Amino acid sequence: MERIGELIPEAARRLGLEDELRLARAGATWDALVTERVPPAVGACRLVKAEAGVLVVEADAPIVGQELRLRTPELLTAFRAAPGGFLARELRVVVRRV
């Protein structure tokens, strides 16, 4: 008997969905960190890309983007240490255009 969590990565690989699974895990980690460390930004930002040590986050408003930029060192350190995180060296914040 195997745990479903152990089967998902192999199934994702076979289906060619490894990148999507990695982004989903990183996104869940990002959401948890924002909830814990930057509560006013909850629901106002989302991880849209995570590759080659770079996290790209979309913010809904300039003030949210600024807050995330100010907390970049703290957020990157927490992301690297969190389950589902990985070695990210850079955080790019893009403000969504309405």
C-alpha atoms as a PDB file:
ATOM      1  CA  MET A   1       0.000   0.000   0.000  1.00  0.00           C
ATOM      2  CA  GLU A   2       1.337   3.428  -0.961  1.00  0.00           C
ATOM      3  CA  ARG A   3       0.316   6.908   0.106  1.00  0.00           C
ATOM      4  CA  ILE A   4      -1.350   9.006  -2.580  1.00  0.00           C
ATOM      5  CA  GLY A   5       1.154  11.808  -1.946  1.00  0.00           C
ATOM      6  CA  GLU A   6       3.943   9.462  -2.998  1.00  0.00           C
ATOM      7  CA  LEU A   7       2.160   8.497  -6.215  1.00  0.00           C
ATOM      8  CA  ILE A   8       1.333  11.999  -7.461  1.00  0.00           C
ATOM      9  CA  PRO A   9       4.851  13.065  -8.529  1.00  0.00           C
ATOM     10  CA  GLU A  10       5.315   9.940 -10.637  1.00  0.00           C
ATOM     11  CA  ALA A  11       1.866  10.294 -12.197  1.00  0.00           C
ATOM     12  CA  ALA A  12       2.560  13.962 -12.969  1.00  0.00           C
ATOM     13  CA  ARG A  13       5.866  13.012 -14.599  1.00  0.00           C
ATOM     14  CA  ARG A  14       4.202  10.379 -16.769  1.00  0.00           C
ATOM     15  CA  LEU A  15       1.518  12.848 -17.843  1.00  0.00           C
ATOM     16  CA  GLY A  16       4.016  15.641 -18.504  1.00  0.00           C
ATOM     17  CA  LEU A  17       2.612  17.760 -15.678  1.00  0.00           C
ATOM     18  CA  GLU A  18       5.715  18.108 -13.505  1.00  0.00           C
ATOM     19  CA  ASP A  19       5.996  21.861 -14.037  1.00  0.00           C
ATOM     20  CA  GLU A  20       2.336  22.412 -13.179  1.00  0.00           C
ATOM     21  CA  LEU A  21       2.649  20.317 -10.026  1.00  0.00           C
ATOM     22  CA  ARG A  22       5.802  22.193  -8.978  1.00  0.00           C
ATOM     23  CA  LEU A  23       4.055  25.550  -9.529  1.00  0.00           C
ATOM     24  CA  ALA A  24       0.989  24.399  -7.588  1.00  0.00           C
ATOM     25  CA  ARG A  25       3.134  23.343  -4.633  1.00  0.00           C
ATOM     26  CA  ALA A  26       5.151  26.558  -4.756  1.00  0.00           C
ATOM     27  CA  GLY A  27       1.913  28.558  -4.990  1.00  0.00           C
ATOM     28  CA  ALA A  28       0.477  26.862  -1.910  1.00  0.00           C
ATOM     29  CA  THR A  29       3.710  27.556  -0.050  1.00  0.00           C
ATOM     30  CA  TRP A  30       3.648  31.198  -1.175  1.00  0.00           C
ATOM     31  CA  ASP A  31       0.013  31.623  -0.079  1.00  0.00           C
ATOM     32  CA  ALA A  32       0.796  30.210   3.369  1.00  0.00           C
ATOM     33  CA  LEU A  33       3.784  32.544   3.769  1.00  0.00           C
ATOM     34  CA  VAL A  34       1.779  35.595   2.750  1.00  0.00           C
ATOM     35  CA  THR A  35      -0.992  34.625   5.171  1.00  0.00           C
ATOM     36  CA  GLU A  36       1.531  34.314   7.988  1.00  0.00           C
ATOM     37  CA  ARG A  37       3.862  37.230   7.232  1.00  0.00           C
ATOM     38  CA  VAL A  38       1.920  39.799   5.171  1.00  0.00           C
ATOM     39  CA  PRO A  39      -1.768  39.390   6.098  1.00  0.00           C
ATOM     40  CA  PRO A  40      -2.937  42.564   4.293  1.00  0.00           C
ATOM     41  CA  ALA A  41      -1.713  41.030   0.998  1.00  0.00           C
ATOM     42  CA  VAL A  42      -3.786  37.848   1.335  1.00  0.00           C
ATOM     43  CA  GLY A  43      -5.930  37.494  -1.768  1.00  0.00           C
ATOM     44  CA  ALA A  44      -4.209  40.458  -3.424  1.00  0.00           C
ATOM     45  CA  CYS A  45      -1.191  38.606  -4.821  1.00  0.00           C
ATOM     46  CA  ARG A  46      -0.415  35.251  -6.384  1.00  0.00           C
ATOM     47  CA  LEU A  47       2.590  33.292  -7.521  1.00  0.00           C
ATOM     48  CA  VAL A  48       2.437  33.074 -11.322  1.00  0.00           C
ATOM     49  CA  LYS A  49       5.835  31.612 -12.162  1.00  0.00           C
ATOM     50  CA  ALA A  50       8.575  29.787 -10.284  1.00  0.00           C
ATOM     51  CA  GLU A  51      11.661  28.617 -12.127  1.00  0.00           C
ATOM     52  CA  ALA A  52      15.427  28.978 -12.213  1.00  0.00           C
ATOM     53  CA  GLY A  53      15.514  30.424  -8.705  1.00  0.00           C
ATOM     54  CA  VAL A  54      13.064  33.228  -9.516  1.00  0.00           C
ATOM     55  CA  LEU A  55       9.595  33.692  -8.074  1.00  0.00           C
ATOM     56  CA  VAL A  56       7.301  35.929 -10.114  1.00  0.00           C
ATOM     57  CA  VAL A  57       4.379  37.292  -8.130  1.00  0.00           C
ATOM     58  CA  GLU A  58       1.459  39.279  -9.497  1.00  0.00           C
ATOM     59  CA  ALA A  59       0.069  41.957  -7.171  1.00  0.00           C
ATOM     60  CA  ASP A  60      -3.375  43.502  -7.602  1.00  0.00           C
ATOM     61  CA  ALA A  61      -2.317  46.989  -6.488  1.00  0.00           C
ATOM     62  CA  PRO A  62       0.893  49.028  -6.335  1.00  0.00           C
ATOM     63  CA  ILE A  63       0.758  49.221  -2.530  1.00  0.00           C
ATOM     64  CA  VAL A  64       0.689  45.416  -2.304  1.00  0.00           C
ATOM     65  CA  GLY A  65       3.617  45.185  -4.707  1.00  0.00           C
ATOM     66  CA  GLN A  66       5.587  47.685  -2.661  1.00  0.00           C
ATOM     67  CA  GLU A  67       4.961  45.794   0.573  1.00  0.00           C
ATOM     68  CA  LEU A  68       6.126  42.538  -1.017  1.00  0.00           C
ATOM     69  CA  ARG A  69       9.245  44.223  -2.406  1.00  0.00           C
ATOM     70  CA  LEU A  70      10.069  45.655   1.021  1.00  0.00           C
ATOM     71  CA  ARG A  71       9.780  42.190   2.562  1.00  0.00           C
ATOM     72  CA  THR A  72      11.656  40.346  -0.185  1.00  0.00           C
ATOM     73  CA  PRO A  73      14.580  39.090   1.949  1.00  0.00           C
ATOM     74  CA  GLU A  74      12.230  37.815   4.649  1.00  0.00           C
ATOM     75  CA  LEU A  75       9.872  36.158   2.148  1.00  0.00           C
ATOM     76  CA  LEU A  76      12.662  34.470   0.190  1.00  0.00           C
ATOM     77  CA  THR A  77      14.269  33.110   3.358  1.00  0.00           C
ATOM     78  CA  ALA A  78      10.933  31.761   4.579  1.00  0.00           C
ATOM     79  CA  PHE A  79      10.118  30.290   1.154  1.00  0.00           C
ATOM     80  CA  ARG A  80      13.422  28.432   0.992  1.00  0.00           C
ATOM     81  CA  ALA A  81      12.844  26.933   4.450  1.00  0.00           C
ATOM     82  CA  ALA A  82       9.183  26.008   3.972  1.00  0.00           C
ATOM     83  CA  PRO A  83       7.876  22.600   2.903  1.00  0.00           C
ATOM     84  CA  GLY A  84       7.139  22.898  -0.811  1.00  0.00           C
ATOM     85  CA  GLY A  85       9.637  25.718  -1.190  1.00  0.00           C
ATOM     86  CA  PHE A  86      12.963  25.621  -2.968  1.00  0.00           C
ATOM     87  CA  LEU A  87      16.089  27.704  -3.403  1.00  0.00           C
ATOM     88  CA  ALA A  88      14.734  30.994  -4.719  1.00  0.00           C
ATOM     89  CA  ARG A  89      17.218  33.838  -5.077  1.00  0.00           C
ATOM     90  CA  GLU A  90      15.002  36.515  -6.572  1.00  0.00           C
ATOM     91  CA  LEU A  91      11.467  37.805  -6.161  1.00  0.00           C
ATOM     92  CA  ARG A  92       9.955  39.729  -9.054  1.00  0.00           C
ATOM     93  CA  VAL A  93       6.731  41.553  -8.324  1.00  0.00           C
ATOM     94  CA  VAL A  94       4.531  42.610 -11.221  1.00  0.00           C
ATOM     95  CA  VAL A  95       1.533  44.846 -10.602  1.00  0.00           C
ATOM     96  CA  ARG A  96      -1.516  43.631 -12.491  1.00  0.00           C
ATOM     97  CA  ARG A  97      -2.937  46.055 -15.017  1.00  0.00           C
ATOM     98  CA  VAL A  98      -6.660  46.463 -14.872  1.00  0.00           C
END
